[in-house]
Amino acid sequence: MIQEKEKAYGICVYKIENNITKILLCKSVSSLQKWGCLKGGMENGETKEETALREFYEESSILVDKKYFEKYFEQINNEKDIGIYLVNYKNIVNLEQYFNNNILKDEYLSSENSKVQFFDILFLPPIKQKQYKIVEDIVQYLTKD
């Protein structure tokens, strides 16, 4: 019997302030220097969208409505495929209350992550290999005219 490959889904929130585009990334507690999108594994019976919404909420305490999913990005990997939905921060009610200087406040941080932060897309930190293409595609999408 062929075992189905693991799949993980999540959300990448972006914002544009003073002509600077930023995306929200997280650094897991198990990662030393690499960053990625807030995401996690699909549970039985869940859709991709339900997984993305649940995992984003579990990792940030922030509720998002799937009607605000703008675009979907995917990276096929050997062990685990990753799918990320892009959401404009303007569509999330009271998003600012969760952040202090673009960093998620500690009281909203999950035990899975050491940090969650908005980064200027021109000055991104090192990205996890399993999400590198997704982040590259998101940046390309956000910088197109």
N, C-alpha and C. Protein backbone atom coordinates (compact mmCIF):
# COMPACT_ATOMS: atom_id res chain seq x y z
N MET A 1 0.84 -1.18 0.00
CA MET A 1 0.00 0.00 0.00
C MET A 1 0.89 1.25 0.00
N ILE A 2 0.56 2.18 -0.84
CA ILE A 2 1.33 3.42 -0.93
C ILE A 2 0.82 4.40 0.10
N GLN A 3 1.74 4.87 0.94
CA GLN A 3 1.36 5.86 1.95
C GLN A 3 1.31 7.24 1.32
N GLU A 4 0.23 7.96 1.60
CA GLU A 4 0.09 9.30 1.04
C GLU A 4 1.09 10.24 1.69
N LYS A 5 1.63 11.12 0.87
CA LYS A 5 2.62 12.09 1.34
C LYS A 5 1.96 13.07 2.31
N GLU A 6 2.72 13.50 3.30
CA GLU A 6 2.24 14.49 4.27
C GLU A 6 2.00 15.82 3.57
N LYS A 7 0.95 16.52 3.99
CA LYS A 7 0.63 17.82 3.42
C LYS A 7 0.42 18.83 4.54
N ALA A 8 0.89 20.04 4.32
CA ALA A 8 0.72 21.11 5.31
C ALA A 8 0.21 22.35 4.59
N TYR A 9 -0.69 23.08 5.28
CA TYR A 9 -1.29 24.26 4.70
C TYR A 9 -1.28 25.40 5.70
N GLY A 10 -1.22 26.61 5.17
CA GLY A 10 -1.20 27.76 6.05
C GLY A 10 -1.52 29.04 5.32
N ILE A 11 -1.21 30.15 5.98
CA ILE A 11 -1.55 31.47 5.48
C ILE A 11 -0.32 32.37 5.56
N CYS A 12 -0.16 33.19 4.52
CA CYS A 12 0.85 34.23 4.54
C CYS A 12 0.11 35.56 4.46
N VAL A 13 0.19 36.33 5.53
CA VAL A 13 -0.44 37.65 5.56
C VAL A 13 0.59 38.66 5.04
N TYR A 14 0.10 39.58 4.21
CA TYR A 14 0.98 40.64 3.73
C TYR A 14 0.35 41.99 4.01
N LYS A 15 1.20 42.99 4.09
CA LYS A 15 0.72 44.36 4.25
C LYS A 15 1.63 45.31 3.51
N ILE A 16 1.05 46.41 3.07
CA ILE A 16 1.80 47.44 2.36
C ILE A 16 1.64 48.73 3.13
N GLU A 17 2.77 49.23 3.65
CA GLU A 17 2.79 50.48 4.43
C GLU A 17 3.90 51.36 3.88
N ASN A 18 3.58 52.60 3.57
CA ASN A 18 4.58 53.54 3.05
C ASN A 18 5.37 52.95 1.88
N ASN A 19 4.65 52.30 0.98
CA ASN A 19 5.24 51.66 -0.21
C ASN A 19 6.21 50.53 0.10
N ILE A 20 6.16 50.01 1.31
CA ILE A 20 6.98 48.86 1.68
C ILE A 20 6.05 47.67 1.89
N THR A 21 6.32 46.59 1.16
CA THR A 21 5.51 45.37 1.28
C THR A 21 6.18 44.43 2.27
N LYS A 22 5.39 43.95 3.22
CA LYS A 22 5.91 43.04 4.25
C LYS A 22 5.06 41.77 4.28
N ILE A 23 5.70 40.66 4.61
CA ILE A 23 4.98 39.39 4.79
C ILE A 23 5.25 38.85 6.19
N LEU A 24 4.28 38.11 6.69
CA LEU A 24 4.37 37.53 8.03
C LEU A 24 5.01 36.15 7.96
N LEU A 25 6.10 35.97 8.71
CA LEU A 25 6.83 34.70 8.76
C LEU A 25 7.02 34.26 10.21
N CYS A 26 7.27 32.97 10.38
CA CYS A 26 7.53 32.45 11.73
C CYS A 26 8.82 31.65 11.74
N LYS A 27 9.40 31.59 12.93
CA LYS A 27 10.57 30.75 13.17
C LYS A 27 10.16 29.75 14.22
N SER A 28 10.15 28.47 13.86
CA SER A 28 9.74 27.45 14.82
C SER A 28 10.80 27.27 15.90
N VAL A 29 10.38 26.72 17.03
CA VAL A 29 11.33 26.51 18.12
C VAL A 29 12.41 25.51 17.74
N SER A 30 12.12 24.63 16.78
CA SER A 30 13.12 23.63 16.36
C SER A 30 14.07 24.16 15.29
N SER A 31 13.75 25.31 14.71
CA SER A 31 14.60 25.88 13.67
C SER A 31 15.60 26.84 14.30
N LEU A 32 16.84 26.74 13.89
CA LEU A 32 17.86 27.63 14.44
C LEU A 32 17.80 29.01 13.79
N GLN A 33 17.80 29.05 12.47
CA GLN A 33 17.83 30.35 11.79
C GLN A 33 16.81 30.50 10.68
N LYS A 34 16.18 29.42 10.25
CA LYS A 34 15.32 29.47 9.07
C LYS A 34 13.88 29.85 9.44
N TRP A 35 13.25 30.61 8.54
CA TRP A 35 11.89 31.09 8.72
C TRP A 35 10.98 30.51 7.65
N GLY A 36 9.67 30.57 7.94
CA GLY A 36 8.69 30.08 6.97
C GLY A 36 7.31 30.64 7.28
N CYS A 37 6.34 30.20 6.52
CA CYS A 37 4.96 30.65 6.71
C CYS A 37 4.32 29.88 7.87
N LEU A 38 3.30 30.48 8.47
CA LEU A 38 2.56 29.82 9.55
C LEU A 38 1.68 28.76 8.90
N LYS A 39 1.93 27.51 9.23
CA LYS A 39 1.22 26.40 8.60
C LYS A 39 1.37 25.15 9.45
N GLY A 40 0.61 24.12 9.07
CA GLY A 40 0.72 22.86 9.78
C GLY A 40 0.01 21.76 9.03
N GLY A 41 0.09 20.56 9.61
CA GLY A 41 -0.41 19.36 8.96
C GLY A 41 -1.93 19.26 8.92
N MET A 42 -2.38 18.65 7.83
CA MET A 42 -3.81 18.42 7.62
C MET A 42 -4.29 17.29 8.54
N GLU A 43 -5.44 17.48 9.14
CA GLU A 43 -6.05 16.44 9.98
C GLU A 43 -7.15 15.75 9.19
N ASN A 44 -7.52 14.53 9.62
CA ASN A 44 -8.53 13.75 8.91
C ASN A 44 -9.81 14.53 8.68
N GLY A 45 -10.28 14.50 7.44
CA GLY A 45 -11.54 15.12 7.10
C GLY A 45 -11.48 16.61 6.81
N GLU A 46 -10.31 17.20 7.00
CA GLU A 46 -10.18 18.64 6.76
C GLU A 46 -9.92 18.92 5.28
N THR A 47 -10.38 20.09 4.84
CA THR A 47 -10.01 20.59 3.52
C THR A 47 -8.70 21.37 3.67
N LYS A 48 -8.09 21.72 2.53
CA LYS A 48 -6.88 22.55 2.56
C LYS A 48 -7.17 23.87 3.28
N GLU A 49 -8.31 24.46 2.94
CA GLU A 49 -8.67 25.76 3.53
C GLU A 49 -8.87 25.66 5.04
N GLU A 50 -9.57 24.61 5.48
CA GLU A 50 -9.81 24.42 6.91
C GLU A 50 -8.51 24.23 7.67
N THR A 51 -7.59 23.46 7.09
CA THR A 51 -6.28 23.25 7.71
C THR A 51 -5.53 24.57 7.84
N ALA A 52 -5.52 25.35 6.76
CA ALA A 52 -4.80 26.64 6.76
C ALA A 52 -5.36 27.56 7.84
N LEU A 53 -6.67 27.66 7.92
CA LEU A 53 -7.31 28.54 8.90
C LEU A 53 -7.02 28.08 10.33
N ARG A 54 -7.17 26.78 10.59
CA ARG A 54 -6.93 26.24 11.92
C ARG A 54 -5.49 26.42 12.34
N GLU A 55 -4.57 26.07 11.48
CA GLU A 55 -3.15 26.17 11.82
C GLU A 55 -2.72 27.61 12.04
N PHE A 56 -3.20 28.51 11.19
CA PHE A 56 -2.85 29.92 11.37
C PHE A 56 -3.36 30.42 12.71
N TYR A 57 -4.58 30.03 13.07
CA TYR A 57 -5.15 30.45 14.35
C TYR A 57 -4.35 29.84 15.52
N GLU A 58 -4.02 28.55 15.42
CA GLU A 58 -3.28 27.88 16.49
C GLU A 58 -1.91 28.54 16.71
N GLU A 59 -1.30 29.02 15.65
CA GLU A 59 0.05 29.57 15.75
C GLU A 59 0.11 31.07 16.00
N SER A 60 -1.07 31.76 15.90
CA SER A 60 -1.04 33.22 16.06
C SER A 60 -2.19 33.79 16.88
N SER A 61 -3.21 32.98 17.17
CA SER A 61 -4.44 33.43 17.85
C SER A 61 -5.26 34.39 17.00
N ILE A 62 -4.95 34.47 15.70
CA ILE A 62 -5.63 35.40 14.80
C ILE A 62 -6.61 34.63 13.91
N LEU A 63 -7.86 35.09 13.93
CA LEU A 63 -8.90 34.49 13.09
C LEU A 63 -8.90 35.15 11.71
N VAL A 64 -9.00 34.32 10.69
CA VAL A 64 -9.07 34.79 9.31
C VAL A 64 -10.28 34.12 8.66
N ASP A 65 -10.98 34.84 7.80
CA ASP A 65 -12.10 34.29 7.06
C ASP A 65 -11.59 33.86 5.69
N LYS A 66 -11.95 32.63 5.27
CA LYS A 66 -11.41 32.12 4.00
C LYS A 66 -11.87 32.92 2.79
N LYS A 67 -12.90 33.73 2.95
CA LYS A 67 -13.34 34.57 1.81
C LYS A 67 -12.26 35.60 1.43
N TYR A 68 -11.28 35.80 2.31
CA TYR A 68 -10.20 36.75 2.04
C TYR A 68 -8.96 36.09 1.44
N PHE A 69 -9.02 34.79 1.17
CA PHE A 69 -7.90 34.13 0.50
C PHE A 69 -7.79 34.73 -0.90
N GLU A 70 -6.64 35.34 -1.21
CA GLU A 70 -6.45 36.00 -2.51
C GLU A 70 -5.86 35.09 -3.56
N LYS A 71 -4.87 34.32 -3.15
CA LYS A 71 -4.15 33.48 -4.11
C LYS A 71 -3.57 32.30 -3.34
N TYR A 72 -3.37 31.20 -4.06
CA TYR A 72 -2.83 29.98 -3.47
C TYR A 72 -1.47 29.68 -4.09
N PHE A 73 -0.50 29.33 -3.24
CA PHE A 73 0.84 28.97 -3.68
C PHE A 73 1.15 27.58 -3.15
N GLU A 74 1.90 26.81 -3.93
CA GLU A 74 2.20 25.44 -3.51
C GLU A 74 3.65 25.09 -3.84
N GLN A 75 4.25 24.28 -2.97
CA GLN A 75 5.59 23.76 -3.22
C GLN A 75 5.54 22.26 -2.97
N ILE A 76 5.86 21.49 -4.01
CA ILE A 76 5.89 20.03 -3.91
C ILE A 76 7.30 19.63 -3.46
N ASN A 77 7.36 18.90 -2.35
CA ASN A 77 8.65 18.45 -1.79
C ASN A 77 8.66 16.93 -1.71
N ASN A 78 9.82 16.35 -1.44
CA ASN A 78 9.92 14.89 -1.34
C ASN A 78 9.10 14.33 -0.19
N GLU A 79 9.20 14.92 1.00
CA GLU A 79 8.52 14.38 2.18
C GLU A 79 7.17 15.03 2.44
N LYS A 80 7.12 16.36 2.28
CA LYS A 80 5.91 17.08 2.66
C LYS A 80 5.62 18.20 1.67
N ASP A 81 4.38 18.19 1.14
CA ASP A 81 3.97 19.27 0.24
C ASP A 81 3.39 20.40 1.08
N ILE A 82 3.66 21.64 0.66
CA ILE A 82 3.23 22.82 1.41
C ILE A 82 2.31 23.66 0.52
N GLY A 83 1.19 24.11 1.09
CA GLY A 83 0.28 25.01 0.38
C GLY A 83 -0.01 26.22 1.25
N ILE A 84 0.08 27.40 0.66
CA ILE A 84 -0.08 28.65 1.42
C ILE A 84 -1.08 29.57 0.70
N TYR A 85 -2.01 30.12 1.49
CA TYR A 85 -2.97 31.10 0.98
C TYR A 85 -2.50 32.49 1.38
N LEU A 86 -2.59 33.43 0.43
CA LEU A 86 -2.18 34.80 0.67
C LEU A 86 -3.39 35.63 1.12
N VAL A 87 -3.20 36.43 2.18
CA VAL A 87 -4.28 37.26 2.74
C VAL A 87 -3.73 38.67 3.00
N ASN A 88 -4.49 39.69 2.60
CA ASN A 88 -4.14 41.08 2.87
C ASN A 88 -4.51 41.40 4.31
N TYR A 89 -3.59 41.98 5.07
CA TYR A 89 -3.84 42.27 6.48
C TYR A 89 -5.03 43.19 6.69
N LYS A 90 -5.37 44.01 5.69
CA LYS A 90 -6.51 44.93 5.83
C LYS A 90 -7.83 44.18 6.02
N ASN A 91 -7.86 42.90 5.63
CA ASN A 91 -9.07 42.09 5.75
C ASN A 91 -9.18 41.37 7.09
N ILE A 92 -8.23 41.57 7.98
CA ILE A 92 -8.26 40.92 9.29
C ILE A 92 -8.58 41.98 10.34
N VAL A 93 -9.70 41.78 11.03
CA VAL A 93 -10.18 42.76 12.01
C VAL A 93 -9.20 42.91 13.17
N ASN A 94 -8.87 44.16 13.50
CA ASN A 94 -8.01 44.49 14.65
C ASN A 94 -6.66 43.77 14.65
N LEU A 95 -6.08 43.58 13.50
CA LEU A 95 -4.81 42.85 13.42
C LEU A 95 -3.71 43.53 14.25
N GLU A 96 -3.73 44.86 14.28
CA GLU A 96 -2.68 45.60 14.98
C GLU A 96 -2.58 45.23 16.46
N GLN A 97 -3.69 44.83 17.09
CA GLN A 97 -3.68 44.51 18.53
C GLN A 97 -2.77 43.32 18.85
N TYR A 98 -2.48 42.50 17.86
CA TYR A 98 -1.67 41.30 18.08
C TYR A 98 -0.17 41.56 17.98
N PHE A 99 0.20 42.75 17.48
CA PHE A 99 1.60 43.02 17.17
C PHE A 99 2.15 44.23 17.91
N ASN A 100 3.44 44.18 18.12
CA ASN A 100 4.19 45.30 18.66
C ASN A 100 5.42 45.46 17.77
N ASN A 101 5.52 46.56 17.04
CA ASN A 101 6.63 46.77 16.10
C ASN A 101 6.80 45.61 15.12
N ASN A 102 5.69 45.17 14.53
CA ASN A 102 5.68 44.09 13.52
C ASN A 102 6.03 42.71 14.07
N ILE A 103 6.09 42.55 15.37
CA ILE A 103 6.38 41.26 16.00
C ILE A 103 5.16 40.82 16.79
N LEU A 104 4.74 39.56 16.59
CA LEU A 104 3.60 39.03 17.33
C LEU A 104 3.89 39.06 18.82
N LYS A 105 2.96 39.62 19.58
CA LYS A 105 3.15 39.70 21.04
C LYS A 105 3.23 38.30 21.64
N ASP A 106 4.02 38.16 22.69
CA ASP A 106 4.27 36.86 23.33
C ASP A 106 2.98 36.15 23.74
N GLU A 107 1.97 36.91 24.19
CA GLU A 107 0.75 36.24 24.66
C GLU A 107 -0.02 35.54 23.54
N TYR A 108 0.31 35.85 22.29
CA TYR A 108 -0.36 35.20 21.15
C TYR A 108 0.52 34.16 20.47
N LEU A 109 1.76 34.06 20.90
CA LEU A 109 2.73 33.15 20.29
C LEU A 109 2.46 31.71 20.74
N SER A 110 2.41 30.79 19.79
CA SER A 110 2.20 29.39 20.14
C SER A 110 3.52 28.79 20.64
N SER A 111 3.41 27.66 21.31
CA SER A 111 4.62 26.99 21.82
C SER A 111 5.46 26.41 20.68
N GLU A 112 4.89 26.35 19.47
CA GLU A 112 5.61 25.81 18.32
C GLU A 112 6.62 26.80 17.73
N ASN A 113 6.39 28.09 17.97
CA ASN A 113 7.23 29.11 17.34
C ASN A 113 7.99 29.93 18.37
N SER A 114 9.22 30.30 17.99
CA SER A 114 10.00 31.17 18.86
C SER A 114 9.74 32.64 18.52
N LYS A 115 9.28 32.89 17.26
CA LYS A 115 9.01 34.27 16.86
C LYS A 115 8.11 34.29 15.62
N VAL A 116 7.23 35.29 15.55
CA VAL A 116 6.39 35.53 14.38
C VAL A 116 6.51 37.02 14.08
N GLN A 117 6.88 37.34 12.84
CA GLN A 117 7.23 38.73 12.55
C GLN A 117 6.97 39.08 11.08
N PHE A 118 6.60 40.35 10.84
CA PHE A 118 6.51 40.88 9.47
C PHE A 118 7.90 41.28 9.01
N PHE A 119 8.23 40.91 7.75
CA PHE A 119 9.51 41.26 7.14
C PHE A 119 9.29 41.97 5.82
N ASP A 120 10.09 42.99 5.56
CA ASP A 120 10.13 43.65 4.26
C ASP A 120 10.54 42.59 3.24
N ILE A 121 9.77 42.48 2.15
CA ILE A 121 10.07 41.42 1.17
C ILE A 121 11.41 41.62 0.46
N LEU A 122 11.98 42.80 0.57
CA LEU A 122 13.30 43.04 -0.02
C LEU A 122 14.43 42.63 0.92
N PHE A 123 14.09 42.38 2.18
CA PHE A 123 15.10 42.03 3.20
C PHE A 123 14.60 40.87 4.05
N LEU A 124 14.40 39.73 3.42
CA LEU A 124 13.87 38.56 4.12
C LEU A 124 14.98 37.80 4.86
N PRO A 125 14.61 37.15 5.96
CA PRO A 125 15.58 36.29 6.67
C PRO A 125 15.77 35.00 5.86
N PRO A 126 16.69 34.12 6.29
CA PRO A 126 16.85 32.83 5.59
C PRO A 126 15.53 32.03 5.67
N ILE A 127 15.11 31.47 4.55
CA ILE A 127 13.84 30.76 4.44
C ILE A 127 14.08 29.25 4.42
N LYS A 128 13.18 28.49 5.07
CA LYS A 128 13.28 27.03 5.08
C LYS A 128 13.25 26.50 3.65
N GLN A 129 14.04 25.49 3.40
CA GLN A 129 14.16 24.92 2.06
C GLN A 129 12.81 24.44 1.53
N LYS A 130 11.98 23.82 2.39
CA LYS A 130 10.69 23.28 1.96
C LYS A 130 9.67 24.37 1.62
N GLN A 131 10.02 25.64 1.91
CA GLN A 131 9.10 26.74 1.60
C GLN A 131 9.76 27.82 0.75
N TYR A 132 10.98 27.60 0.34
CA TYR A 132 11.73 28.63 -0.37
C TYR A 132 11.03 29.07 -1.66
N LYS A 133 10.56 28.09 -2.44
CA LYS A 133 9.90 28.42 -3.71
C LYS A 133 8.59 29.16 -3.46
N ILE A 134 7.84 28.76 -2.45
CA ILE A 134 6.58 29.45 -2.13
C ILE A 134 6.86 30.91 -1.79
N VAL A 135 7.80 31.15 -0.92
CA VAL A 135 8.11 32.52 -0.51
C VAL A 135 8.60 33.32 -1.72
N GLU A 136 9.42 32.70 -2.54
CA GLU A 136 9.89 33.35 -3.76
C GLU A 136 8.72 33.71 -4.68
N ASP A 137 7.77 32.79 -4.84
CA ASP A 137 6.59 33.03 -5.68
C ASP A 137 5.70 34.13 -5.09
N ILE A 138 5.55 34.15 -3.78
CA ILE A 138 4.74 35.18 -3.11
C ILE A 138 5.37 36.56 -3.34
N VAL A 139 6.68 36.64 -3.14
CA VAL A 139 7.38 37.93 -3.35
C VAL A 139 7.22 38.37 -4.80
N GLN A 140 7.39 37.46 -5.73
CA GLN A 140 7.24 37.78 -7.14
C GLN A 140 5.81 38.28 -7.44
N TYR A 141 4.83 37.61 -6.88
CA TYR A 141 3.42 38.01 -7.06
C TYR A 141 3.17 39.41 -6.49
N LEU A 142 3.70 39.66 -5.30
CA LEU A 142 3.46 40.95 -4.64
C LEU A 142 4.23 42.12 -5.27
N THR A 143 5.27 41.81 -6.04
CA THR A 143 6.06 42.88 -6.65
C THR A 143 5.71 43.11 -8.11
N LYS A 144 4.83 42.28 -8.66
CA LYS A 144 4.45 42.49 -10.06
C LYS A 144 3.57 43.73 -10.18
N ASP A 145 3.64 44.37 -11.31
CA ASP A 145 2.84 45.58 -11.54
C ASP A 145 1.52 45.24 -12.18
